[in-house]
Amino acid sequence: MSDRTEPEALPGVTIRPMTETDAAQVLDIYQTGLDDGNASFETTAPTWQAFDAAKLPLHRHVAVDTSTGQVIGWVAASVVSDRCVYAGVVEHSVYVHPDHHGRGVGTALLNALIHSTETEGIWTIQSGIFPENTASLRLHENAGFRVVGTRHHIGRHHDRWRDVVLIERRSMVTGV
C-alpha cells in the first residue's frame, strides 16, 4: 500500500471517482474518441452496463470542469486475466473530450489512475495504442510508460490492417 497523497488536479478541473451518474457523458466522450478513428479497434461505445461490468470500480476516474460541472475526460482500467499471477496487471483507457485537449487533463487522469493502482498494489498498467495516435503516445511517455513493442497488422479497422504499440508502466511503489 502506498502512503502517497492524492494527485493534484488542474485549476478549474476536479478529478473524482466515476459514478453511474456520469454514464451518458463518459460514453459520449468515448464515442467521440472512437469516431476519430485512432483511439481503438472498437467503433461503437458499449452500453453503460457493459462498460460498468468490464471496468474495475476502484480504478475509474473522471475529470470534471468545475465551472460547468461537465465531464471532460475519463480513465478506467480492467483486468487482463483471471489468472492469479496477473492479479497486479491492468489494462487502461483514457479519453479526453477534444475541446479540452492540450490542457493537461489526460495527465491528471493518468496520475489519478497511477495513484489508485499503486494504492491497491497493482504493479503494471498496460495498453495498446495505434502508432498514428502520437499525442497519446507522448502523454503516456511523459507519465512514465515505456514502449514494449509493436504488434504489426494485429487487426483490421475500417477495412485496413492496423498496428498497435504496446505500452506499460511499472509501479515505482510495489517494488517490482
Protein backbone atom coordinates (compact mmCIF):
# COMPACT_ATOMS: atom_id res chain seq x y z
CA MET A 1 0.00 0.00 0.00
CA SER A 2 1.14 3.50 -0.78
CA ASP A 3 1.06 6.45 1.58
CA ARG A 4 1.15 8.90 -1.32
CA THR A 5 -1.30 11.75 -1.21
CA GLU A 6 -3.99 12.21 -3.83
CA PRO A 7 -2.64 13.65 -7.09
CA GLU A 8 -3.17 17.34 -7.61
CA ALA A 9 -5.77 18.34 -10.16
CA LEU A 10 -5.60 21.15 -12.66
CA PRO A 11 -7.00 24.59 -11.92
CA GLY A 12 -10.69 24.51 -12.83
CA VAL A 13 -10.73 20.70 -13.06
CA THR A 14 -11.68 18.16 -10.43
CA ILE A 15 -10.63 14.53 -10.70
CA ARG A 16 -13.02 12.23 -8.87
CA PRO A 17 -14.24 8.64 -8.96
CA MET A 18 -16.53 7.82 -11.87
CA THR A 19 -20.14 7.07 -10.93
CA GLU A 20 -23.21 5.84 -12.77
CA THR A 21 -24.46 9.44 -12.97
CA ASP A 22 -21.51 10.10 -15.31
CA ALA A 23 -22.54 7.33 -17.71
CA ALA A 24 -24.00 9.40 -20.55
CA GLN A 25 -21.12 11.90 -20.61
CA VAL A 26 -18.45 9.18 -20.30
CA LEU A 27 -19.95 7.17 -23.15
CA ASP A 28 -20.35 10.31 -25.30
CA ILE A 29 -16.64 11.14 -24.84
CA TYR A 30 -15.80 7.51 -25.58
CA GLN A 31 -17.83 7.60 -28.82
CA THR A 32 -16.23 10.90 -29.84
CA GLY A 33 -12.82 9.28 -29.44
CA LEU A 34 -13.89 6.24 -31.41
CA ASP A 35 -15.27 8.43 -34.20
CA ASP A 36 -11.80 9.98 -34.58
CA GLY A 37 -10.59 6.60 -35.87
CA ASN A 38 -7.29 6.41 -33.97
CA ALA A 39 -8.43 5.50 -30.46
CA SER A 40 -9.46 1.86 -30.62
CA PHE A 41 -10.44 -1.05 -32.80
CA GLU A 42 -13.92 -0.54 -31.36
CA THR A 43 -16.25 1.59 -33.44
CA THR A 44 -19.20 1.91 -31.06
CA ALA A 45 -19.13 2.70 -27.35
CA PRO A 46 -20.65 -0.05 -25.22
CA THR A 47 -23.75 0.26 -23.10
CA TRP A 48 -23.19 1.55 -19.59
CA GLN A 49 -23.98 -1.94 -18.25
CA ALA A 50 -21.21 -3.49 -20.37
CA PHE A 51 -18.77 -0.68 -19.55
CA ASP A 52 -19.56 -0.89 -15.84
CA ALA A 53 -19.12 -4.68 -15.79
CA ALA A 54 -15.75 -4.52 -17.58
CA LYS A 55 -14.06 -1.74 -15.58
CA LEU A 56 -12.60 -2.02 -12.09
CA PRO A 57 -14.57 0.19 -9.69
CA LEU A 58 -11.53 1.49 -7.79
CA HIS A 59 -9.69 2.45 -10.96
CA ARG A 60 -12.04 4.65 -12.92
CA HIS A 61 -11.98 8.39 -12.65
CA VAL A 62 -13.48 11.39 -14.39
CA ALA A 63 -12.20 14.91 -14.94
CA VAL A 64 -14.92 17.48 -14.32
CA ASP A 65 -14.85 21.12 -15.39
CA THR A 66 -15.59 22.92 -12.12
CA SER A 67 -17.25 25.89 -13.84
CA THR A 68 -19.76 23.82 -15.83
CA GLY A 69 -19.94 20.51 -13.96
CA GLN A 70 -19.37 18.69 -17.25
CA VAL A 71 -17.27 15.55 -17.51
CA ILE A 72 -14.40 16.39 -19.86
CA GLY A 73 -12.43 13.15 -19.69
CA TRP A 74 -12.16 9.76 -18.09
CA VAL A 75 -9.75 6.94 -17.36
CA ALA A 76 -10.61 3.35 -16.45
CA ALA A 77 -8.85 0.02 -16.04
CA SER A 78 -9.83 -3.60 -16.45
CA VAL A 79 -8.20 -6.88 -15.53
CA VAL A 80 -6.05 -8.51 -18.20
CA SER A 81 -6.51 -12.08 -16.96
CA ASP A 82 -8.30 -14.02 -14.27
CA ARG A 83 -5.09 -15.99 -13.59
CA CYS A 84 -3.74 -15.13 -10.13
CA VAL A 85 -0.22 -14.43 -11.44
CA TYR A 86 -1.63 -11.42 -13.33
CA ALA A 87 -3.55 -10.01 -10.35
CA GLY A 88 -1.34 -6.91 -10.38
CA VAL A 89 -1.67 -6.15 -14.08
CA VAL A 90 -4.40 -3.96 -15.56
CA GLU A 91 -5.15 -2.55 -18.98
CA HIS A 92 -6.38 1.01 -19.19
CA SER A 93 -8.07 3.51 -21.47
CA VAL A 94 -8.01 7.29 -21.20
CA TYR A 95 -10.21 9.64 -23.22
CA VAL A 96 -10.41 13.44 -23.16
CA HIS A 97 -13.07 15.44 -24.96
CA PRO A 98 -11.42 17.14 -27.99
CA ASP A 99 -12.43 20.59 -26.72
CA HIS A 100 -10.11 20.01 -23.75
CA HIS A 101 -7.04 18.52 -25.46
CA GLY A 102 -3.73 20.12 -24.52
CA ARG A 103 -4.86 21.33 -21.08
CA GLY A 104 -3.24 18.57 -19.04
CA VAL A 105 -6.50 16.69 -18.44
CA GLY A 106 -5.05 13.41 -19.72
CA THR A 107 -2.04 13.79 -17.44
CA ALA A 108 -4.25 14.47 -14.42
CA LEU A 109 -6.36 11.42 -15.22
CA LEU A 110 -3.32 9.17 -15.65
CA ASN A 111 -1.92 10.47 -12.36
CA ALA A 112 -5.20 9.55 -10.64
CA LEU A 113 -5.06 6.07 -12.17
CA ILE A 114 -1.43 5.59 -11.17
CA HIS A 115 -2.26 6.67 -7.63
CA SER A 116 -5.28 4.37 -7.32
CA THR A 117 -3.48 1.36 -8.78
CA GLU A 118 -0.36 1.80 -6.68
CA THR A 119 -2.50 2.20 -3.57
CA GLU A 120 -4.04 -1.20 -4.35
CA GLY A 121 -0.76 -2.99 -5.15
CA ILE A 122 -1.10 -3.02 -8.95
CA TRP A 123 2.40 -3.35 -10.42
CA THR A 124 1.74 -2.90 -14.15
CA ILE A 125 -0.60 -0.68 -16.14
CA GLN A 126 -0.62 -1.51 -19.83
CA SER A 127 -2.39 -0.56 -23.03
CA GLY A 128 -2.19 -0.68 -26.80
CA ILE A 129 -2.12 2.50 -28.89
CA PHE A 130 -2.29 2.97 -32.64
CA PRO A 131 1.08 4.41 -33.74
CA GLU A 132 -0.73 7.26 -35.53
CA ASN A 133 -2.04 8.45 -32.15
CA THR A 134 1.16 10.35 -31.40
CA ALA A 135 -0.48 12.62 -28.81
CA SER A 136 -1.47 9.60 -26.72
CA LEU A 137 1.98 8.06 -27.07
CA ARG A 138 3.58 11.33 -25.85
CA LEU A 139 1.08 11.61 -22.98
CA HIS A 140 1.91 8.12 -21.81
CA GLU A 141 5.66 8.54 -22.22
CA ASN A 142 5.50 11.67 -20.08
CA ALA A 143 3.59 9.69 -17.43
CA GLY A 144 6.33 7.08 -17.20
CA PHE A 145 5.04 4.47 -19.66
CA ARG A 146 7.50 2.73 -21.94
CA VAL A 147 7.06 1.11 -25.32
CA VAL A 148 7.27 -2.66 -25.05
CA GLY A 149 6.94 -3.33 -28.76
CA THR A 150 4.70 -3.11 -31.79
CA ARG A 151 2.24 -5.74 -32.93
CA HIS A 152 2.17 -5.39 -36.70
CA HIS A 153 -1.09 -5.85 -38.60
CA ILE A 154 -2.74 -7.24 -35.48
CA GLY A 155 -6.28 -6.40 -36.58
CA ARG A 156 -8.45 -4.80 -39.22
CA HIS A 157 -10.08 -1.46 -38.54
CA HIS A 158 -12.17 0.41 -41.09
CA ASP A 159 -11.08 -2.06 -43.79
CA ARG A 160 -7.34 -1.69 -43.23
CA TRP A 161 -4.75 -3.54 -41.19
CA ARG A 162 -3.57 -1.64 -38.11
CA ASP A 163 -0.50 -1.89 -35.92
CA VAL A 164 -0.66 -1.45 -32.15
CA VAL A 165 2.14 -0.11 -29.96
CA LEU A 166 2.17 -1.92 -26.63
CA ILE A 167 3.00 0.27 -23.65
CA GLU A 168 3.37 -0.37 -19.94
CA ARG A 169 4.15 1.44 -16.73
CA ARG A 170 5.70 -0.47 -13.89
CA SER A 171 4.93 0.75 -10.39
CA MET A 172 7.63 2.62 -8.55
CA VAL A 173 5.93 1.74 -5.26
CA THR A 174 5.28 -2.00 -5.36
CA GLY A 175 8.98 -2.83 -5.77
CA VAL A 176 8.58 -4.99 -8.85
